[in-house]
């Protein structure tokens, strides 16, 4: 489901939509269950760091079971259950799959590190 753009943020542009569509066909980043996956925004779609909008790029593919850990129990439960932060998963995932995400966005996500 796609949210409408608000006054405070814009909706995803075509490159971000293409990235999220590509992401949904990947296996779960935690358990490896084959897609289709849930495209989970790590920090929310409107998140900015160092004045760079990273919300639509900071996404990870999760299966329903793994996604429910963060969605229902919270970020701390995610870190304890899986033994790694979402930024750590993003770093590993990005190095493995290597989708061409803009460099300043990758640096902002890794710099935020939570």
PDB file of N, CA and C in Angstrom:
ATOM      1  N   UNK A   1       0.838  -1.169   0.000  1.00  0.00           N
ATOM      2  CA  UNK A   1       0.000   0.000   0.000  1.00  0.00           C
ATOM      3  C   UNK A   1       0.889   1.240   0.000  1.00  0.00           C
ATOM      4  N   UNK A   2       0.566   2.187  -0.833  1.00  0.00           N
ATOM      5  CA  UNK A   2       1.341   3.410  -0.982  1.00  0.00           C
ATOM      6  C   UNK A   2       0.657   4.552  -0.257  1.00  0.00           C
ATOM      7  N   UNK A   3       1.389   5.230   0.622  1.00  0.00           N
ATOM      8  CA  UNK A   3       0.826   6.396   1.293  1.00  0.00           C
ATOM      9  C   UNK A   3       0.892   7.602   0.374  1.00  0.00           C
ATOM     10  N   UNK A   4      -0.024   8.526   0.584  1.00  0.00           N
ATOM     11  CA  UNK A   4      -0.009   9.764  -0.178  1.00  0.00           C
ATOM     12  C   UNK A   4       1.068  10.687   0.384  1.00  0.00           C
ATOM     13  N   UNK A   5       1.619  11.534  -0.486  1.00  0.00           N
ATOM     14  CA  UNK A   5       2.578  12.524  -0.033  1.00  0.00           C
ATOM     15  C   UNK A   5       1.858  13.544   0.844  1.00  0.00           C
ATOM     16  N   UNK A   6       2.564  14.090   1.824  1.00  0.00           N
ATOM     17  CA  UNK A   6       1.999  15.095   2.716  1.00  0.00           C
ATOM     18  C   UNK A   6       2.733  16.413   2.503  1.00  0.00           C
ATOM     19  N   UNK A   7       2.361  17.410   3.270  1.00  0.00           N
ATOM     20  CA  UNK A   7       3.036  18.704   3.174  1.00  0.00           C
ATOM     21  C   UNK A   7       4.483  18.619   3.641  1.00  0.00           C
ATOM     22  N   UNK A   8       4.770  17.705   4.562  1.00  0.00           N
ATOM     23  CA  UNK A   8       6.108  17.617   5.129  1.00  0.00           C
ATOM     24  C   UNK A   8       7.062  16.760   4.317  1.00  0.00           C
ATOM     25  N   UNK A   9       6.541  15.936   3.461  1.00  0.00           N
ATOM     26  CA  UNK A   9       7.420  15.069   2.683  1.00  0.00           C
ATOM     27  C   UNK A   9       6.817  14.803   1.317  1.00  0.00           C
ATOM     28  N   UNK A  10       7.608  14.253   0.479  1.00  0.00           N
ATOM     29  CA  UNK A  10       7.144  13.876  -0.851  1.00  0.00           C
ATOM     30  C   UNK A  10       7.008  12.364  -0.905  1.00  0.00           C
ATOM     31  N   UNK A  11       6.295  11.876  -1.882  1.00  0.00           N
ATOM     32  CA  UNK A  11       6.219  10.444  -2.099  1.00  0.00           C
ATOM     33  C   UNK A  11       7.505   9.962  -2.746  1.00  0.00           C
ATOM     34  N   UNK A  12       7.671   8.664  -2.902  1.00  0.00           N
ATOM     35  CA  UNK A  12       8.894   8.157  -3.534  1.00  0.00           C
ATOM     36  C   UNK A  12       8.956   8.553  -5.009  1.00  0.00           C
ATOM     37  N   UNK A  13      10.170   8.897  -5.467  1.00  0.00           N
ATOM     38  CA  UNK A  13      10.331   9.200  -6.885  1.00  0.00           C
ATOM     39  C   UNK A  13      10.463   7.889  -7.663  1.00  0.00           C
ATOM     40  N   UNK A  14      10.661   7.971  -8.960  1.00  0.00           N
ATOM     41  CA  UNK A  14      10.663   6.765  -9.792  1.00  0.00           C
ATOM     42  C   UNK A  14      11.820   5.830  -9.446  1.00  0.00           C
ATOM     43  N   UNK A  15      12.997   6.381  -9.126  1.00  0.00           N
ATOM     44  CA  UNK A  15      14.141   5.528  -8.763  1.00  0.00           C
ATOM     45  C   UNK A  15      13.877   4.798  -7.453  1.00  0.00           C
ATOM     46  N   UNK A  16      13.268   5.481  -6.495  1.00  0.00           N
ATOM     47  CA  UNK A  16      12.959   4.863  -5.206  1.00  0.00           C
ATOM     48  C   UNK A  16      11.873   3.808  -5.347  1.00  0.00           C
ATOM     49  N   UNK A  17      10.880   4.066  -6.190  1.00  0.00           N
ATOM     50  CA  UNK A  17       9.840   3.067  -6.440  1.00  0.00           C
ATOM     51  C   UNK A  17      10.426   1.827  -7.101  1.00  0.00           C
ATOM     52  N   UNK A  18      11.322   2.016  -8.052  1.00  0.00           N
ATOM     53  CA  UNK A  18      11.970   0.893  -8.728  1.00  0.00           C
ATOM     54  C   UNK A  18      12.793   0.070  -7.746  1.00  0.00           C
ATOM     55  N   UNK A  19      13.511   0.757  -6.851  1.00  0.00           N
ATOM     56  CA  UNK A  19      14.300   0.076  -5.828  1.00  0.00           C
ATOM     57  C   UNK A  19      13.408  -0.755  -4.920  1.00  0.00           C
ATOM     58  N   UNK A  20      12.297  -0.184  -4.456  1.00  0.00           N
ATOM     59  CA  UNK A  20      11.402  -0.901  -3.548  1.00  0.00           C
ATOM     60  C   UNK A  20      10.725  -2.076  -4.238  1.00  0.00           C
ATOM     61  N   UNK A  21      10.403  -1.928  -5.520  1.00  0.00           N
ATOM     62  CA  UNK A  21       9.831  -3.044  -6.276  1.00  0.00           C
ATOM     63  C   UNK A  21      10.863  -4.171  -6.410  1.00  0.00           C
ATOM     64  N   UNK A  22      12.098  -3.826  -6.688  1.00  0.00           N
ATOM     65  CA  UNK A  22      13.184  -4.804  -6.790  1.00  0.00           C
ATOM     66  C   UNK A  22      13.378  -5.514  -5.446  1.00  0.00           C
ATOM     67  N   UNK A  23      13.303  -4.736  -4.376  1.00  0.00           N
ATOM     68  CA  UNK A  23      13.515  -5.258  -3.029  1.00  0.00           C
ATOM     69  C   UNK A  23      12.465  -6.294  -2.645  1.00  0.00           C
ATOM     70  N   UNK A  24      11.237  -6.120  -3.074  1.00  0.00           N
ATOM     71  CA  UNK A  24      10.145  -7.027  -2.710  1.00  0.00           C
ATOM     72  C   UNK A  24      10.322  -8.422  -3.303  1.00  0.00           C
ATOM     73  N   UNK A  25      11.149  -8.567  -4.315  1.00  0.00           N
ATOM     74  CA  UNK A  25      11.372  -9.868  -4.939  1.00  0.00           C
ATOM     75  C   UNK A  25      12.564 -10.614  -4.354  1.00  0.00           C
ATOM     76  N   UNK A  26      13.226 -10.033  -3.368  1.00  0.00           N
ATOM     77  CA  UNK A  26      14.392 -10.668  -2.747  1.00  0.00           C
ATOM     78  C   UNK A  26      13.981 -11.555  -1.579  1.00  0.00           C
ATOM     79  N   UNK A  27      14.862 -12.474  -1.165  1.00  0.00           N
ATOM     80  CA  UNK A  27      14.575 -13.272   0.035  1.00  0.00           C
ATOM     81  C   UNK A  27      14.694 -12.416   1.296  1.00  0.00           C
ATOM     82  N   UNK A  28      14.144 -12.917   2.373  1.00  0.00           N
ATOM     83  CA  UNK A  28      14.211 -12.230   3.668  1.00  0.00           C
ATOM     84  C   UNK A  28      15.672 -12.009   4.056  1.00  0.00           C
ATOM     85  N   UNK A  29      15.984 -10.826   4.532  1.00  0.00           N
ATOM     86  CA  UNK A  29      17.352 -10.475   4.877  1.00  0.00           C
ATOM     87  C   UNK A  29      17.830 -11.225   6.131  1.00  0.00           C
ATOM     88  N   UNK A  30      16.922 -11.708   6.963  1.00  0.00           N
ATOM     89  CA  UNK A  30      17.290 -12.394   8.199  1.00  0.00           C
ATOM     90  C   UNK A  30      17.324 -13.907   8.029  1.00  0.00           C
ATOM     91  N   UNK A  31      16.205 -14.494   7.597  1.00  0.00           N
ATOM     92  CA  UNK A  31      16.117 -15.957   7.571  1.00  0.00           C
ATOM     93  C   UNK A  31      16.308 -16.554   6.177  1.00  0.00           C
ATOM     94  N   UNK A  32      16.273 -15.722   5.132  1.00  0.00           N
ATOM     95  CA  UNK A  32      16.495 -16.218   3.779  1.00  0.00           C
ATOM     96  C   UNK A  32      15.284 -16.822   3.102  1.00  0.00           C
ATOM     97  N   UNK A  33      14.098 -16.706   3.709  1.00  0.00           N
ATOM     98  CA  UNK A  33      12.882 -17.235   3.085  1.00  0.00           C
ATOM     99  C   UNK A  33      12.666 -16.516   1.748  1.00  0.00           C
ATOM    100  N   UNK A  34      12.413 -17.261   0.666  1.00  0.00           N
ATOM    101  CA  UNK A  34      12.274 -16.622  -0.643  1.00  0.00           C
ATOM    102  C   UNK A  34      11.092 -15.654  -0.709  1.00  0.00           C
ATOM    103  N   UNK A  35      11.218 -14.672  -1.606  1.00  0.00           N
ATOM    104  CA  UNK A  35      10.213 -13.625  -1.769  1.00  0.00           C
ATOM    105  C   UNK A  35       8.901 -14.158  -2.285  1.00  0.00           C
ATOM    106  N   UNK A  36       7.891 -13.357  -2.383  1.00  0.00           N
ATOM    107  CA  UNK A  36       7.926 -11.914  -2.204  1.00  0.00           C
ATOM    108  C   UNK A  36       8.071 -11.522  -0.734  1.00  0.00           C
ATOM    109  N   UNK A  37       8.787 -10.439  -0.521  1.00  0.00           N
ATOM    110  CA  UNK A  37       9.085  -9.964   0.825  1.00  0.00           C
ATOM    111  C   UNK A  37       8.355  -8.663   1.116  1.00  0.00           C
ATOM    112  N   UNK A  38       8.363  -8.298   2.374  1.00  0.00           N
ATOM    113  CA  UNK A  38       7.817  -7.022   2.807  1.00  0.00           C
ATOM    114  C   UNK A  38       8.947  -6.006   2.749  1.00  0.00           C
ATOM    115  N   UNK A  39       8.691  -4.889   2.113  1.00  0.00           N
ATOM    116  CA  UNK A  39       9.676  -3.810   2.029  1.00  0.00           C
ATOM    117  C   UNK A  39       9.519  -2.945   3.282  1.00  0.00           C
ATOM    118  N   UNK A  40      10.372  -3.155   4.278  1.00  0.00           N
ATOM    119  CA  UNK A  40      10.247  -2.470   5.562  1.00  0.00           C
ATOM    120  C   UNK A  40      11.149  -1.245   5.596  1.00  0.00           C
ATOM    121  N   UNK A  41      10.547  -0.069   5.835  1.00  0.00           N
ATOM    122  CA  UNK A  41      11.330   1.151   6.005  1.00  0.00           C
ATOM    123  C   UNK A  41      11.989   1.088   7.384  1.00  0.00           C
ATOM    124  N   UNK A  42      13.296   1.154   7.420  1.00  0.00           N
ATOM    125  CA  UNK A  42      14.023   1.011   8.666  1.00  0.00           C
ATOM    126  C   UNK A  42      13.702   2.127   9.655  1.00  0.00           C
ATOM    127  N   UNK A  43      13.599   3.350   9.175  1.00  0.00           N
ATOM    128  CA  UNK A  43      13.395   4.499  10.054  1.00  0.00           C
ATOM    129  C   UNK A  43      12.125   5.270   9.732  1.00  0.00           C
ATOM    130  N   UNK A  44      11.345   4.805   8.794  1.00  0.00           N
ATOM    131  CA  UNK A  44      10.161   5.533   8.352  1.00  0.00           C
ATOM    132  C   UNK A  44      10.453   6.210   7.024  1.00  0.00           C
ATOM    133  N   UNK A  45       9.424   6.436   6.249  1.00  0.00           N
ATOM    134  CA  UNK A  45       9.628   6.950   4.897  1.00  0.00           C
ATOM    135  C   UNK A  45      10.035   8.416   4.860  1.00  0.00           C
ATOM    136  N   UNK A  46       9.852   9.155   5.949  1.00  0.00           N
ATOM    137  CA  UNK A  46      10.178  10.584   5.959  1.00  0.00           C
ATOM    138  C   UNK A  46      11.503  10.888   6.649  1.00  0.00           C
ATOM    139  N   UNK A  47      12.284   9.881   6.986  1.00  0.00           N
ATOM    140  CA  UNK A  47      13.488  10.081   7.783  1.00  0.00           C
ATOM    141  C   UNK A  47      14.573  10.799   6.989  1.00  0.00           C
ATOM    142  N   UNK A  48      15.198  11.765   7.641  1.00  0.00           N
ATOM    143  CA  UNK A  48      16.332  12.496   7.072  1.00  0.00           C
ATOM    144  C   UNK A  48      17.509  12.411   8.033  1.00  0.00           C
ATOM    145  N   UNK A  49      18.705  12.368   7.457  1.00  0.00           N
ATOM    146  CA  UNK A  49      19.928  12.438   8.250  1.00  0.00           C
ATOM    147  C   UNK A  49      20.914  13.287   7.470  1.00  0.00           C
ATOM    148  N   UNK A  50      21.516  14.252   8.129  1.00  0.00           N
ATOM    149  CA  UNK A  50      22.420  15.213   7.478  1.00  0.00           C
ATOM    150  C   UNK A  50      21.744  15.890   6.285  1.00  0.00           C
ATOM    151  N   UNK A  51      20.465  16.228   6.448  1.00  0.00           N
ATOM    152  CA  UNK A  51      19.647  16.909   5.441  1.00  0.00           C
ATOM    153  C   UNK A  51      19.454  16.101   4.155  1.00  0.00           C
ATOM    154  N   UNK A  52      19.633  14.796   4.236  1.00  0.00           N
ATOM    155  CA  UNK A  52      19.434  13.914   3.094  1.00  0.00           C
ATOM    156  C   UNK A  52      18.231  13.029   3.401  1.00  0.00           C
ATOM    157  N   UNK A  53      17.250  13.006   2.502  1.00  0.00           N
ATOM    158  CA  UNK A  53      16.084  12.149   2.673  1.00  0.00           C
ATOM    159  C   UNK A  53      16.498  10.709   2.371  1.00  0.00           C
ATOM    160  N   UNK A  54      16.554   9.888   3.414  1.00  0.00           N
ATOM    161  CA  UNK A  54      16.981   8.505   3.230  1.00  0.00           C
ATOM    162  C   UNK A  54      15.852   7.517   3.472  1.00  0.00           C
ATOM    163  N   UNK A  55      14.691   8.001   3.838  1.00  0.00           N
ATOM    164  CA  UNK A  55      13.585   7.130   4.229  1.00  0.00           C
ATOM    165  C   UNK A  55      13.164   6.125   3.178  1.00  0.00           C
ATOM    166  N   UNK A  56      13.098   6.536   1.919  1.00  0.00           N
ATOM    167  CA  UNK A  56      12.646   5.625   0.865  1.00  0.00           C
ATOM    168  C   UNK A  56      13.753   4.683   0.392  1.00  0.00           C
ATOM    169  N   UNK A  57      15.005   4.984   0.733  1.00  0.00           N
ATOM    170  CA  UNK A  57      16.117   4.102   0.363  1.00  0.00           C
ATOM    171  C   UNK A  57      16.484   3.158   1.507  1.00  0.00           C
ATOM    172  N   UNK A  58      16.243   3.566   2.737  1.00  0.00           N
ATOM    173  CA  UNK A  58      16.616   2.762   3.905  1.00  0.00           C
ATOM    174  C   UNK A  58      15.550   1.708   4.156  1.00  0.00           C
ATOM    175  N   UNK A  59      15.531   0.683   3.308  1.00  0.00           N
ATOM    176  CA  UNK A  59      14.526  -0.385   3.392  1.00  0.00           C
ATOM    177  C   UNK A  59      15.228  -1.735   3.381  1.00  0.00           C
ATOM    178  N   UNK A  60      14.596  -2.703   4.013  1.00  0.00           N
ATOM    179  CA  UNK A  60      15.113  -4.073   4.023  1.00  0.00           C
ATOM    180  C   UNK A  60      13.983  -5.040   3.690  1.00  0.00           C
ATOM    181  N   UNK A  61      14.310  -6.145   3.012  1.00  0.00           N
ATOM    182  CA  UNK A  61      13.283  -7.155   2.725  1.00  0.00           C
ATOM    183  C   UNK A  61      13.127  -8.126   3.894  1.00  0.00           C
ATOM    184  N   UNK A  62      11.929  -8.242   4.426  1.00  0.00           N
ATOM    185  CA  UNK A  62      11.640  -9.156   5.523  1.00  0.00           C
ATOM    186  C   UNK A  62      10.492 -10.082   5.123  1.00  0.00           C
ATOM    187  N   UNK A  63      10.509 -11.306   5.650  1.00  0.00           N
ATOM    188  CA  UNK A  63       9.340 -12.172   5.537  1.00  0.00           C
ATOM    189  C   UNK A  63       8.342 -11.723   6.609  1.00  0.00           C
ATOM    190  N   UNK A  64       7.147 -12.253   6.583  1.00  0.00           N
ATOM    191  CA  UNK A  64       6.107 -11.845   7.531  1.00  0.00           C
ATOM    192  C   UNK A  64       6.529 -12.100   8.979  1.00  0.00           C
ATOM    193  N   UNK A  65       7.134 -13.244   9.239  1.00  0.00           N
ATOM    194  CA  UNK A  65       7.518 -13.611  10.604  1.00  0.00           C
ATOM    195  C   UNK A  65       8.607 -12.689  11.147  1.00  0.00           C
ATOM    196  N   UNK A  66       9.641 -12.437  10.362  1.00  0.00           N
ATOM    197  CA  UNK A  66      10.744 -11.586  10.818  1.00  0.00           C
ATOM    198  C   UNK A  66      10.307 -10.125  10.930  1.00  0.00           C
ATOM    199  N   UNK A  67       9.422  -9.681  10.051  1.00  0.00           N
ATOM    200  CA  UNK A  67       8.933  -8.309  10.104  1.00  0.00           C
ATOM    201  C   UNK A  67       8.111  -8.063  11.358  1.00  0.00           C
ATOM    202  N   UNK A  68       7.384  -9.071  11.797  1.00  0.00           N
ATOM    203  CA  UNK A  68       6.539  -8.891  12.976  1.00  0.00           C
ATOM    204  C   UNK A  68       7.367  -8.680  14.242  1.00  0.00           C
ATOM    205  N   UNK A  69       8.602  -9.160  14.277  1.00  0.00           N
ATOM    206  CA  UNK A  69       9.448  -8.939  15.458  1.00  0.00           C
ATOM    207  C   UNK A  69       9.655  -7.446  15.669  1.00  0.00           C
ATOM    208  N   UNK A  70      10.036  -6.726  14.620  1.00  0.00           N
ATOM    209  CA  UNK A  70      10.251  -5.284  14.754  1.00  0.00           C
ATOM    210  C   UNK A  70       8.942  -4.526  14.865  1.00  0.00           C
ATOM    211  N   UNK A  71       7.974  -4.896  14.063  1.00  0.00           N
ATOM    212  CA  UNK A  71       6.721  -4.155  14.022  1.00  0.00           C
ATOM    213  C   UNK A  71       5.951  -4.266  15.332  1.00  0.00           C
ATOM    214  N   UNK A  72       5.905  -5.450  15.918  1.00  0.00           N
ATOM    215  CA  UNK A  72       5.114  -5.655  17.133  1.00  0.00           C
ATOM    216  C   UNK A  72       5.941  -5.437  18.397  1.00  0.00           C
ATOM    217  N   UNK A  73       7.142  -6.018  18.434  1.00  0.00           N
ATOM    218  CA  UNK A  73       7.933  -5.965  19.663  1.00  0.00           C
ATOM    219  C   UNK A  73       8.866  -4.765  19.748  1.00  0.00           C
ATOM    220  N   UNK A  74       9.215  -4.165  18.624  1.00  0.00           N
ATOM    221  CA  UNK A  74      10.035  -2.958  18.646  1.00  0.00           C
ATOM    222  C   UNK A  74      11.451  -3.187  18.161  1.00  0.00           C
ATOM    223  N   UNK A  75      12.155  -2.074  18.013  1.00  0.00           N
ATOM    224  CA  UNK A  75      13.522  -2.089  17.481  1.00  0.00           C
ATOM    225  C   UNK A  75      14.509  -2.807  18.409  1.00  0.00           C
ATOM    226  N   UNK A  76      14.351  -2.612  19.707  1.00  0.00           N
ATOM    227  CA  UNK A  76      15.253  -3.260  20.663  1.00  0.00           C
ATOM    228  C   UNK A  76      15.107  -4.781  20.606  1.00  0.00           C
ATOM    229  N   UNK A  77      13.873  -5.259  20.478  1.00  0.00           N
ATOM    230  CA  UNK A  77      13.627  -6.703  20.361  1.00  0.00           C
ATOM    231  C   UNK A  77      14.240  -7.238  19.067  1.00  0.00           C
ATOM    232  N   UNK A  78      14.187  -6.454  18.009  1.00  0.00           N
ATOM    233  CA  UNK A  78      14.822  -6.838  16.739  1.00  0.00           C
ATOM    234  C   UNK A  78      16.320  -7.047  16.950  1.00  0.00           C
ATOM    235  N   UNK A  79      16.970  -6.091  17.614  1.00  0.00           N
ATOM    236  CA  UNK A  79      18.417  -6.188  17.834  1.00  0.00           C
ATOM    237  C   UNK A  79      18.786  -7.383  18.700  1.00  0.00           C
ATOM    238  N   UNK A  80      17.971  -7.667  19.722  1.00  0.00           N
ATOM    239  CA  UNK A  80      18.240  -8.798  20.603  1.00  0.00           C
ATOM    240  C   UNK A  80      17.957 -10.123  19.904  1.00  0.00           C
ATOM    241  N   UNK A  81      16.833 -10.211  19.210  1.00  0.00           N
ATOM    242  CA  UNK A  81      16.431 -11.458  18.559  1.00  0.00           C
ATOM    243  C   UNK A  81      17.392 -11.861  17.457  1.00  0.00           C
ATOM    244  N   UNK A  82      17.776 -10.901  16.613  1.00  0.00           N
ATOM    245  CA  UNK A  82      18.606 -11.217  15.461  1.00  0.00           C
ATOM    246  C   UNK A  82      20.088 -10.953  15.701  1.00  0.00           C
ATOM    247  N   UNK A  83      20.427 -10.286  16.802  1.00  0.00           N
ATOM    248  CA  UNK A  83      21.823 -10.060  17.147  1.00  0.00           C
ATOM    249  C   UNK A  83      22.530  -9.023  16.297  1.00  0.00           C
ATOM    250  N   UNK A  84      21.778  -8.181  15.600  1.00  0.00           N
ATOM    251  CA  UNK A  84      22.373  -7.159  14.748  1.00  0.00           C
ATOM    252  C   UNK A  84      21.365  -6.029  14.565  1.00  0.00           C
ATOM    253  N   UNK A  85      21.867  -4.809  14.444  1.00  0.00           N
ATOM    254  CA  UNK A  85      20.979  -3.676  14.203  1.00  0.00           C
ATOM    255  C   UNK A  85      20.530  -3.672  12.751  1.00  0.00           C
ATOM    256  N   UNK A  86      19.524  -2.876  12.471  1.00  0.00           N
ATOM    257  CA  UNK A  86      19.060  -2.783  11.094  1.00  0.00           C
ATOM    258  C   UNK A  86      20.111  -2.126  10.203  1.00  0.00           C
ATOM    259  N   UNK A  87      20.852  -1.177  10.738  1.00  0.00           N
ATOM    260  CA  UNK A  87      21.922  -0.555   9.949  1.00  0.00           C
ATOM    261  C   UNK A  87      22.999  -1.587   9.619  1.00  0.00           C
ATOM    262  N   UNK A  88      23.288  -2.472  10.560  1.00  0.00           N
ATOM    263  CA  UNK A  88      24.246  -3.549  10.299  1.00  0.00           C
ATOM    264  C   UNK A  88      23.748  -4.496   9.225  1.00  0.00           C
ATOM    265  N   UNK A  89      22.457  -4.844   9.285  1.00  0.00           N
ATOM    266  CA  UNK A  89      21.858  -5.683   8.244  1.00  0.00           C
ATOM    267  C   UNK A  89      21.897  -4.986   6.888  1.00  0.00           C
ATOM    268  N   UNK A  90      21.610  -3.682   6.889  1.00  0.00           N
ATOM    269  CA  UNK A  90      21.633  -2.930   5.638  1.00  0.00           C
ATOM    270  C   UNK A  90      23.025  -2.941   5.030  1.00  0.00           C
ATOM    271  N   UNK A  91      24.033  -2.750   5.868  1.00  0.00           N
ATOM    272  CA  UNK A  91      25.423  -2.739   5.389  1.00  0.00           C
ATOM    273  C   UNK A  91      25.799  -4.085   4.768  1.00  0.00           C
ATOM    274  N   UNK A  92      25.468  -5.183   5.457  1.00  0.00           N
ATOM    275  CA  UNK A  92      25.747  -6.516   4.922  1.00  0.00           C
ATOM    276  C   UNK A  92      24.964  -6.771   3.646  1.00  0.00           C
ATOM    277  N   UNK A  93      23.685  -6.418   3.676  1.00  0.00           N
ATOM    278  CA  UNK A  93      22.818  -6.642   2.536  1.00  0.00           C
ATOM    279  C   UNK A  93      23.281  -5.834   1.333  1.00  0.00           C
ATOM    280  N   UNK A  94      23.622  -4.558   1.560  1.00  0.00           N
ATOM    281  CA  UNK A  94      24.034  -3.697   0.455  1.00  0.00           C
ATOM    282  C   UNK A  94      25.351  -4.197  -0.158  1.00  0.00           C
ATOM    283  N   UNK A  95      26.272  -4.666   0.670  1.00  0.00           N
ATOM    284  CA  UNK A  95      27.527  -5.206   0.148  1.00  0.00           C
ATOM    285  C   UNK A  95      27.297  -6.476  -0.660  1.00  0.00           C
ATOM    286  N   UNK A  96      26.290  -7.276  -0.296  1.00  0.00           N
ATOM    287  CA  UNK A  96      26.027  -8.537  -0.988  1.00  0.00           C
ATOM    288  C   UNK A  96      25.290  -8.322  -2.304  1.00  0.00           C
ATOM    289  N   UNK A  97      24.195  -7.551  -2.274  1.00  0.00           N
ATOM    290  CA  UNK A  97      23.369  -7.367  -3.472  1.00  0.00           C
ATOM    291  C   UNK A  97      23.808  -6.198  -4.338  1.00  0.00           C
ATOM    292  N   UNK A  98      24.307  -5.147  -3.717  1.00  0.00           N
ATOM    293  CA  UNK A  98      24.881  -4.030  -4.446  1.00  0.00           C
ATOM    294  C   UNK A  98      23.961  -3.271  -5.375  1.00  0.00           C
ATOM    295  N   UNK A  99      22.721  -3.041  -4.971  1.00  0.00           N
ATOM    296  CA  UNK A  99      21.842  -2.200  -5.795  1.00  0.00           C
ATOM    297  C   UNK A  99      22.432  -0.789  -5.836  1.00  0.00           C
ATOM    298  N   UNK A 100      22.399  -0.124  -6.988  1.00  0.00           N
ATOM    299  CA  UNK A 100      23.029   1.203  -7.101  1.00  0.00           C
ATOM    300  C   UNK A 100      22.261   2.309  -6.373  1.00  0.00           C
ATOM    301  N   UNK A 101      22.388   2.327  -5.067  1.00  0.00           N
ATOM    302  CA  UNK A 101      21.798   3.381  -4.247  1.00  0.00           C
ATOM    303  C   UNK A 101      22.770   4.556  -4.254  1.00  0.00           C
ATOM    304  N   UNK A 102      22.273   5.794  -4.330  1.00  0.00           N
ATOM    305  CA  UNK A 102      23.186   6.947  -4.312  1.00  0.00           C
ATOM    306  C   UNK A 102      24.141   6.901  -3.123  1.00  0.00           C
ATOM    307  N   UNK A 103      25.397   7.209  -3.390  1.00  0.00           N
ATOM    308  CA  UNK A 103      26.458   7.079  -2.383  1.00  0.00           C
ATOM    309  C   UNK A 103      26.201   7.920  -1.137  1.00  0.00           C
ATOM    310  N   UNK A 104      25.682   9.155  -1.308  1.00  0.00           N
ATOM    311  CA  UNK A 104      25.432  10.003  -0.141  1.00  0.00           C
ATOM    312  C   UNK A 104      24.339   9.410   0.746  1.00  0.00           C
ATOM    313  N   UNK A 105      23.401   8.673   0.164  1.00  0.00           N
ATOM    314  CA  UNK A 105      22.342   8.029   0.928  1.00  0.00           C
ATOM    315  C   UNK A 105      22.917   6.858   1.728  1.00  0.00           C
ATOM    316  N   UNK A 106      23.745   6.033   1.094  1.00  0.00           N
ATOM    317  CA  UNK A 106      24.369   4.904   1.790  1.00  0.00           C
ATOM    318  C   UNK A 106      25.222   5.413   2.945  1.00  0.00           C
ATOM    319  N   UNK A 107      26.002   6.456   2.718  1.00  0.00           N
ATOM    320  CA  UNK A 107      26.839   7.017   3.780  1.00  0.00           C
ATOM    321  C   UNK A 107      26.000   7.561   4.927  1.00  0.00           C
ATOM    322  N   UNK A 108      24.861   8.197   4.619  1.00  0.00           N
ATOM    323  CA  UNK A 108      23.986   8.731   5.669  1.00  0.00           C
ATOM    324  C   UNK A 108      23.355   7.605   6.481  1.00  0.00           C
ATOM    325  N   UNK A 109      22.962   6.511   5.826  1.00  0.00           N
ATOM    326  CA  UNK A 109      22.363   5.382   6.533  1.00  0.00           C
ATOM    327  C   UNK A 109      23.388   4.731   7.454  1.00  0.00           C
ATOM    328  N   UNK A 110      24.579   4.502   6.958  1.00  0.00           N
ATOM    329  CA  UNK A 110      25.628   3.870   7.769  1.00  0.00           C
ATOM    330  C   UNK A 110      26.081   4.807   8.879  1.00  0.00           C
ATOM    331  N   UNK A 111      26.135   6.112   8.597  1.00  0.00           N
ATOM    332  CA  UNK A 111      26.517   7.089   9.604  1.00  0.00           C
ATOM    333  C   UNK A 111      25.501   7.150  10.737  1.00  0.00           C
ATOM    334  N   UNK A 112      24.207   7.040  10.410  1.00  0.00           N
ATOM    335  CA  UNK A 112      23.167   7.052  11.444  1.00  0.00           C
ATOM    336  C   UNK A 112      23.334   5.837  12.351  1.00  0.00           C
ATOM    337  N   UNK A 113      23.505   4.660  11.762  1.00  0.00           N
ATOM    338  CA  UNK A 113      23.926   3.456  12.466  1.00  0.00           C
ATOM    339  C   UNK A 113      23.033   2.884  13.539  1.00  0.00           C
ATOM    340  N   UNK A 114      21.760   3.175  13.556  1.00  0.00           N
ATOM    341  CA  UNK A 114      20.890   2.603  14.594  1.00  0.00           C
ATOM    342  C   UNK A 114      19.941   1.614  14.018  1.00  0.00           C
TER     343      UNK A 114
END
